[in-house]
Amino acid sequence: MYFMKNTEWELACLPKCEEVTGTPTTAAQQHCYTIFKEEYQDTYAMILKTWKEAKELENMGGTVAQ
């Protein structure tokens, strides 16, 4: 879900030799995820969980503090 909302940002993290034009393939999405996990080894799961919870609250009209 995060990748779909932040596609351009995630694709920018790929090495220049792997630039994607058009619709990203599943392999490109998986590579972005691998890079993300390597960058945030100990906290990647919590980052994604917190992002998802914030989006759910946003859709309900709440705030992160709530």
PDB file of N, CA and C in Angstrom:
ATOM      1  N   MET A   1       0.829  -1.179   0.000  1.00  0.00           N
ATOM      2  CA  MET A   1       0.000   0.000   0.000  1.00  0.00           C
ATOM      3  C   MET A   1       0.885   1.259   0.000  1.00  0.00           C
ATOM      4  N   TYR A   2       1.967   1.235   0.776  1.00  0.00           N
ATOM      5  CA  TYR A   2       2.857   2.392   0.822  1.00  0.00           C
ATOM      6  C   TYR A   2       3.458   2.671  -0.543  1.00  0.00           C
ATOM      7  N   PHE A   3       3.886   1.613  -1.229  1.00  0.00           N
ATOM      8  CA  PHE A   3       4.509   1.781  -2.544  1.00  0.00           C
ATOM      9  C   PHE A   3       3.551   2.459  -3.509  1.00  0.00           C
ATOM     10  N   MET A   4       2.306   2.067  -3.507  1.00  0.00           N
ATOM     11  CA  MET A   4       1.337   2.633  -4.439  1.00  0.00           C
ATOM     12  C   MET A   4       1.082   4.115  -4.170  1.00  0.00           C
ATOM     13  N   LYS A   5       1.159   4.535  -2.926  1.00  0.00           N
ATOM     14  CA  LYS A   5       0.933   5.942  -2.578  1.00  0.00           C
ATOM     15  C   LYS A   5       2.194   6.787  -2.785  1.00  0.00           C
ATOM     16  N   ASN A   6       3.363   6.145  -2.837  1.00  0.00           N
ATOM     17  CA  ASN A   6       4.639   6.862  -2.924  1.00  0.00           C
ATOM     18  C   ASN A   6       5.529   6.279  -4.017  1.00  0.00           C
ATOM     19  N   THR A   7       4.950   5.942  -5.140  1.00  0.00           N
ATOM     20  CA  THR A   7       5.669   5.255  -6.209  1.00  0.00           C
ATOM     21  C   THR A   7       6.887   6.031  -6.688  1.00  0.00           C
ATOM     22  N   GLU A   8       6.718   7.311  -6.993  1.00  0.00           N
ATOM     23  CA  GLU A   8       7.841   8.094  -7.517  1.00  0.00           C
ATOM     24  C   GLU A   8       8.996   8.146  -6.527  1.00  0.00           C
ATOM     25  N   TRP A   9       8.684   8.352  -5.269  1.00  0.00           N
ATOM     26  CA  TRP A   9       9.703   8.417  -4.227  1.00  0.00           C
ATOM     27  C   TRP A   9      10.450   7.081  -4.136  1.00  0.00           C
ATOM     28  N   GLU A  10       9.718   5.993  -4.135  1.00  0.00           N
ATOM     29  CA  GLU A  10      10.332   4.679  -4.015  1.00  0.00           C
ATOM     30  C   GLU A  10      11.195   4.344  -5.230  1.00  0.00           C
ATOM     31  N   LEU A  11      10.710   4.654  -6.422  1.00  0.00           N
ATOM     32  CA  LEU A  11      11.479   4.368  -7.633  1.00  0.00           C
ATOM     33  C   LEU A  11      12.757   5.198  -7.695  1.00  0.00           C
ATOM     34  N   ALA A  12      12.744   6.370  -7.085  1.00  0.00           N
ATOM     35  CA  ALA A  12      13.937   7.210  -7.056  1.00  0.00           C
ATOM     36  C   ALA A  12      15.053   6.572  -6.226  1.00  0.00           C
ATOM     37  N   CYS A  13      14.704   5.635  -5.378  1.00  0.00           N
ATOM     38  CA  CYS A  13      15.704   4.950  -4.546  1.00  0.00           C
ATOM     39  C   CYS A  13      16.441   3.853  -5.300  1.00  0.00           C
ATOM     40  N   LEU A  14      15.916   3.450  -6.440  1.00  0.00           N
ATOM     41  CA  LEU A  14      16.577   2.413  -7.225  1.00  0.00           C
ATOM     42  C   LEU A  14      17.880   2.952  -7.822  1.00  0.00           C
ATOM     43  N   PRO A  15      18.859   2.073  -8.012  1.00  0.00           N
ATOM     44  CA  PRO A  15      20.087   2.514  -8.686  1.00  0.00           C
ATOM     45  C   PRO A  15      19.771   3.030 -10.086  1.00  0.00           C
ATOM     46  N   LYS A  16      20.585   3.961 -10.565  1.00  0.00           N
ATOM     47  CA  LYS A  16      20.336   4.586 -11.879  1.00  0.00           C
ATOM     48  C   LYS A  16      20.240   3.566 -13.008  1.00  0.00           C
ATOM     49  N   CYS A  17      20.963   2.470 -12.895  1.00  0.00           N
ATOM     50  CA  CYS A  17      20.925   1.455 -13.955  1.00  0.00           C
ATOM     51  C   CYS A  17      19.595   0.709 -13.996  1.00  0.00           C
ATOM     52  N   GLU A  18      18.753   0.926 -12.991  1.00  0.00           N
ATOM     53  CA  GLU A  18      17.465   0.227 -12.922  1.00  0.00           C
ATOM     54  C   GLU A  18      16.287   1.178 -13.029  1.00  0.00           C
ATOM     55  N   GLU A  19      16.457   2.285 -13.696  1.00  0.00           N
ATOM     56  CA  GLU A  19      15.370   3.239 -13.833  1.00  0.00           C
ATOM     57  C   GLU A  19      14.161   2.577 -14.489  1.00  0.00           C
ATOM     58  N   VAL A  20      12.987   2.938 -14.016  1.00  0.00           N
ATOM     59  CA  VAL A  20      11.741   2.350 -14.493  1.00  0.00           C
ATOM     60  C   VAL A  20      10.974   3.403 -15.274  1.00  0.00           C
ATOM     61  N   THR A  21      10.564   3.056 -16.458  1.00  0.00           N
ATOM     62  CA  THR A  21       9.678   3.928 -17.234  1.00  0.00           C
ATOM     63  C   THR A  21       8.361   3.203 -17.392  1.00  0.00           C
ATOM     64  N   GLY A  22       7.290   3.915 -17.243  1.00  0.00           N
ATOM     65  CA  GLY A  22       5.981   3.279 -17.326  1.00  0.00           C
ATOM     66  C   GLY A  22       5.586   2.679 -15.991  1.00  0.00           C
ATOM     67  N   THR A  23       4.750   1.678 -16.043  1.00  0.00           N
ATOM     68  CA  THR A  23       4.252   1.017 -14.844  1.00  0.00           C
ATOM     69  C   THR A  23       5.340   0.119 -14.248  1.00  0.00           C
ATOM     70  N   PRO A  24       5.624   0.273 -12.951  1.00  0.00           N
ATOM     71  CA  PRO A  24       6.649  -0.563 -12.324  1.00  0.00           C
ATOM     72  C   PRO A  24       6.223  -2.027 -12.285  1.00  0.00           C
ATOM     73  N   THR A  25       7.159  -2.895 -12.545  1.00  0.00           N
ATOM     74  CA  THR A  25       6.888  -4.332 -12.478  1.00  0.00           C
ATOM     75  C   THR A  25       6.899  -4.785 -11.024  1.00  0.00           C
ATOM     76  N   THR A  26       6.427  -5.980 -10.805  1.00  0.00           N
ATOM     77  CA  THR A  26       6.469  -6.556  -9.464  1.00  0.00           C
ATOM     78  C   THR A  26       7.907  -6.680  -8.992  1.00  0.00           C
ATOM     79  N   ALA A  27       8.805  -7.019  -9.898  1.00  0.00           N
ATOM     80  CA  ALA A  27      10.222  -7.137  -9.542  1.00  0.00           C
ATOM     81  C   ALA A  27      10.784  -5.792  -9.071  1.00  0.00           C
ATOM     82  N   ALA A  28      10.399  -4.703  -9.724  1.00  0.00           N
ATOM     83  CA  ALA A  28      10.859  -3.380  -9.316  1.00  0.00           C
ATOM     84  C   ALA A  28      10.314  -3.027  -7.930  1.00  0.00           C
ATOM     85  N   GLN A  29       9.057  -3.363  -7.683  1.00  0.00           N
ATOM     86  CA  GLN A  29       8.457  -3.120  -6.368  1.00  0.00           C
ATOM     87  C   GLN A  29       9.182  -3.921  -5.298  1.00  0.00           C
ATOM     88  N   GLN A  30       9.479  -5.168  -5.589  1.00  0.00           N
ATOM     89  CA  GLN A  30      10.186  -6.011  -4.628  1.00  0.00           C
ATOM     90  C   GLN A  30      11.586  -5.485  -4.351  1.00  0.00           C
ATOM     91  N   HIS A  31      12.258  -4.990  -5.395  1.00  0.00           N
ATOM     92  CA  HIS A  31      13.598  -4.443  -5.196  1.00  0.00           C
ATOM     93  C   HIS A  31      13.540  -3.188  -4.328  1.00  0.00           C
ATOM     94  N   CYS A  32      12.557  -2.345  -4.543  1.00  0.00           N
ATOM     95  CA  CYS A  32      12.384  -1.160  -3.695  1.00  0.00           C
ATOM     96  C   CYS A  32      12.173  -1.571  -2.241  1.00  0.00           C
ATOM     97  N   TYR A  33      11.386  -2.602  -2.025  1.00  0.00           N
ATOM     98  CA  TYR A  33      11.123  -3.091  -0.671  1.00  0.00           C
ATOM     99  C   TYR A  33      12.398  -3.628  -0.040  1.00  0.00           C
ATOM    100  N   THR A  34      13.190  -4.340  -0.818  1.00  0.00           N
ATOM    101  CA  THR A  34      14.463  -4.867  -0.324  1.00  0.00           C
ATOM    102  C   THR A  34      15.397  -3.736   0.082  1.00  0.00           C
ATOM    103  N   ILE A  35      15.473  -2.711  -0.739  1.00  0.00           N
ATOM    104  CA  ILE A  35      16.316  -1.549  -0.426  1.00  0.00           C
ATOM    105  C   ILE A  35      15.821  -0.865   0.848  1.00  0.00           C
ATOM    106  N   PHE A  36      14.506  -0.726   0.987  1.00  0.00           N
ATOM    107  CA  PHE A  36      13.911  -0.115   2.176  1.00  0.00           C
ATOM    108  C   PHE A  36      14.259  -0.920   3.426  1.00  0.00           C
ATOM    109  N   LYS A  37      14.136  -2.250   3.347  1.00  0.00           N
ATOM    110  CA  LYS A  37      14.459  -3.103   4.494  1.00  0.00           C
ATOM    111  C   LYS A  37      15.932  -3.008   4.861  1.00  0.00           C
ATOM    112  N   GLU A  38      16.803  -2.917   3.864  1.00  0.00           N
ATOM    113  CA  GLU A  38      18.238  -2.788   4.143  1.00  0.00           C
ATOM    114  C   GLU A  38      18.546  -1.448   4.805  1.00  0.00           C
ATOM    115  N   GLU A  39      17.873  -0.398   4.361  1.00  0.00           N
ATOM    116  CA  GLU A  39      18.103   0.939   4.907  1.00  0.00           C
ATOM    117  C   GLU A  39      17.624   1.055   6.353  1.00  0.00           C
ATOM    118  N   TYR A  40      16.495   0.437   6.653  1.00  0.00           N
ATOM    119  CA  TYR A  40      15.879   0.534   7.981  1.00  0.00           C
ATOM    120  C   TYR A  40      15.748  -0.843   8.608  1.00  0.00           C
ATOM    121  N   GLN A  41      16.835  -1.538   8.724  1.00  0.00           N
ATOM    122  CA  GLN A  41      16.859  -2.940   9.146  1.00  0.00           C
ATOM    123  C   GLN A  41      16.039  -3.239  10.392  1.00  0.00           C
ATOM    124  N   ASP A  42      16.215  -2.449  11.421  1.00  0.00           N
ATOM    125  CA  ASP A  42      15.567  -2.754  12.691  1.00  0.00           C
ATOM    126  C   ASP A  42      14.184  -2.141  12.857  1.00  0.00           C
ATOM    127  N   THR A  43      13.848  -1.186  12.005  1.00  0.00           N
ATOM    128  CA  THR A  43      12.605  -0.453  12.231  1.00  0.00           C
ATOM    129  C   THR A  43      11.648  -0.448  11.041  1.00  0.00           C
ATOM    130  N   TYR A  44      12.001  -1.123   9.948  1.00  0.00           N
ATOM    131  CA  TYR A  44      11.163  -1.022   8.747  1.00  0.00           C
ATOM    132  C   TYR A  44       9.721  -1.473   8.989  1.00  0.00           C
ATOM    133  N   ALA A  45       9.533  -2.534   9.759  1.00  0.00           N
ATOM    134  CA  ALA A  45       8.173  -3.032  10.003  1.00  0.00           C
ATOM    135  C   ALA A  45       7.361  -2.018  10.799  1.00  0.00           C
ATOM    136  N   MET A  46       7.984  -1.404  11.800  1.00  0.00           N
ATOM    137  CA  MET A  46       7.289  -0.408  12.615  1.00  0.00           C
ATOM    138  C   MET A  46       6.977   0.843  11.788  1.00  0.00           C
ATOM    139  N   ILE A  47       7.884   1.240  10.914  1.00  0.00           N
ATOM    140  CA  ILE A  47       7.656   2.402  10.054  1.00  0.00           C
ATOM    141  C   ILE A  47       6.425   2.176   9.188  1.00  0.00           C
ATOM    142  N   LEU A  48       6.354   1.024   8.560  1.00  0.00           N
ATOM    143  CA  LEU A  48       5.216   0.728   7.675  1.00  0.00           C
ATOM    144  C   LEU A  48       3.921   0.582   8.457  1.00  0.00           C
ATOM    145  N   LYS A  49       3.991  -0.019   9.634  1.00  0.00           N
ATOM    146  CA  LYS A  49       2.797  -0.182  10.467  1.00  0.00           C
ATOM    147  C   LYS A  49       2.274   1.186  10.909  1.00  0.00           C
ATOM    148  N   THR A  50       3.178   2.056  11.345  1.00  0.00           N
ATOM    149  CA  THR A  50       2.785   3.394  11.786  1.00  0.00           C
ATOM    150  C   THR A  50       2.197   4.191  10.631  1.00  0.00           C
ATOM    151  N   TRP A  51       2.806   4.084   9.444  1.00  0.00           N
ATOM    152  CA  TRP A  51       2.284   4.779   8.264  1.00  0.00           C
ATOM    153  C   TRP A  51       0.863   4.305   7.956  1.00  0.00           C
ATOM    154  N   LYS A  52       0.659   2.986   8.004  1.00  0.00           N
ATOM    155  CA  LYS A  52      -0.668   2.420   7.713  1.00  0.00           C
ATOM    156  C   LYS A  52      -1.697   2.907   8.730  1.00  0.00           C
ATOM    157  N   GLU A  53      -1.328   2.890  10.002  1.00  0.00           N
ATOM    158  CA  GLU A  53      -2.260   3.352  11.034  1.00  0.00           C
ATOM    159  C   GLU A  53      -2.605   4.829  10.852  1.00  0.00           C
ATOM    160  N   ALA A  54      -1.608   5.642  10.497  1.00  0.00           N
ATOM    161  CA  ALA A  54      -1.855   7.070  10.275  1.00  0.00           C
ATOM    162  C   ALA A  54      -2.812   7.270   9.102  1.00  0.00           C
ATOM    163  N   LYS A  55      -2.633   6.490   8.038  1.00  0.00           N
ATOM    164  CA  LYS A  55      -3.532   6.597   6.878  1.00  0.00           C
ATOM    165  C   LYS A  55      -4.953   6.180   7.247  1.00  0.00           C
ATOM    166  N   GLU A  56      -5.082   5.140   8.058  1.00  0.00           N
ATOM    167  CA  GLU A  56      -6.414   4.697   8.478  1.00  0.00           C
ATOM    168  C   GLU A  56      -7.101   5.779   9.304  1.00  0.00           C
ATOM    169  N   LEU A  57      -6.344   6.408  10.203  1.00  0.00           N
ATOM    170  CA  LEU A  57      -6.919   7.494  11.012  1.00  0.00           C
ATOM    171  C   LEU A  57      -7.272   8.691  10.146  1.00  0.00           C
ATOM    172  N   GLU A  58      -6.425   8.966   9.168  1.00  0.00           N
ATOM    173  CA  GLU A  58      -6.676  10.081   8.255  1.00  0.00           C
ATOM    174  C   GLU A  58      -7.990   9.870   7.509  1.00  0.00           C
ATOM    175  N   ASN A  59      -8.232   8.643   7.097  1.00  0.00           N
ATOM    176  CA  ASN A  59      -9.463   8.326   6.370  1.00  0.00           C
ATOM    177  C   ASN A  59     -10.693   8.396   7.262  1.00  0.00           C
ATOM    178  N   MET A  60     -10.490   8.243   8.587  1.00  0.00           N
ATOM    179  CA  MET A  60     -11.602   8.317   9.521  1.00  0.00           C
ATOM    180  C   MET A  60     -11.846   9.751   9.982  1.00  0.00           C
ATOM    181  N   GLY A  61     -10.937  10.650   9.620  1.00  0.00           N
ATOM    182  CA  GLY A  61     -11.092  12.031  10.054  1.00  0.00           C
ATOM    183  C   GLY A  61     -10.430  12.315  11.385  1.00  0.00           C
ATOM    184  N   GLY A  62      -9.655  11.355  11.899  1.00  0.00           N
ATOM    185  CA  GLY A  62      -8.964  11.568  13.158  1.00  0.00           C
ATOM    186  C   GLY A  62      -7.579  12.139  12.948  1.00  0.00           C
ATOM    187  N   THR A  63      -6.880  12.324  14.049  1.00  0.00           N
ATOM    188  CA  THR A  63      -5.496  12.785  13.988  1.00  0.00           C
ATOM    189  C   THR A  63      -4.585  11.702  14.512  1.00  0.00           C
ATOM    190  N   VAL A  64      -3.292  11.837  14.276  1.00  0.00           N
ATOM    191  CA  VAL A  64      -2.330  10.851  14.763  1.00  0.00           C
ATOM    192  C   VAL A  64      -2.363  10.809  16.291  1.00  0.00           C
ATOM    193  N   ALA A  65      -2.518  11.946  16.934  1.00  0.00           N
ATOM    194  CA  ALA A  65      -2.551  12.005  18.397  1.00  0.00           C
ATOM    195  C   ALA A  65      -3.749  11.224  18.963  1.00  0.00           C
ATOM    196  N   GLN A  66      -4.833  11.206  18.227  1.00  0.00           N
ATOM    197  CA  GLN A  66      -6.020  10.491  18.704  1.00  0.00           C
ATOM    198  C   GLN A  66      -5.791   9.015  18.593  1.00  0.00           C
TER     199      GLN A  66
END
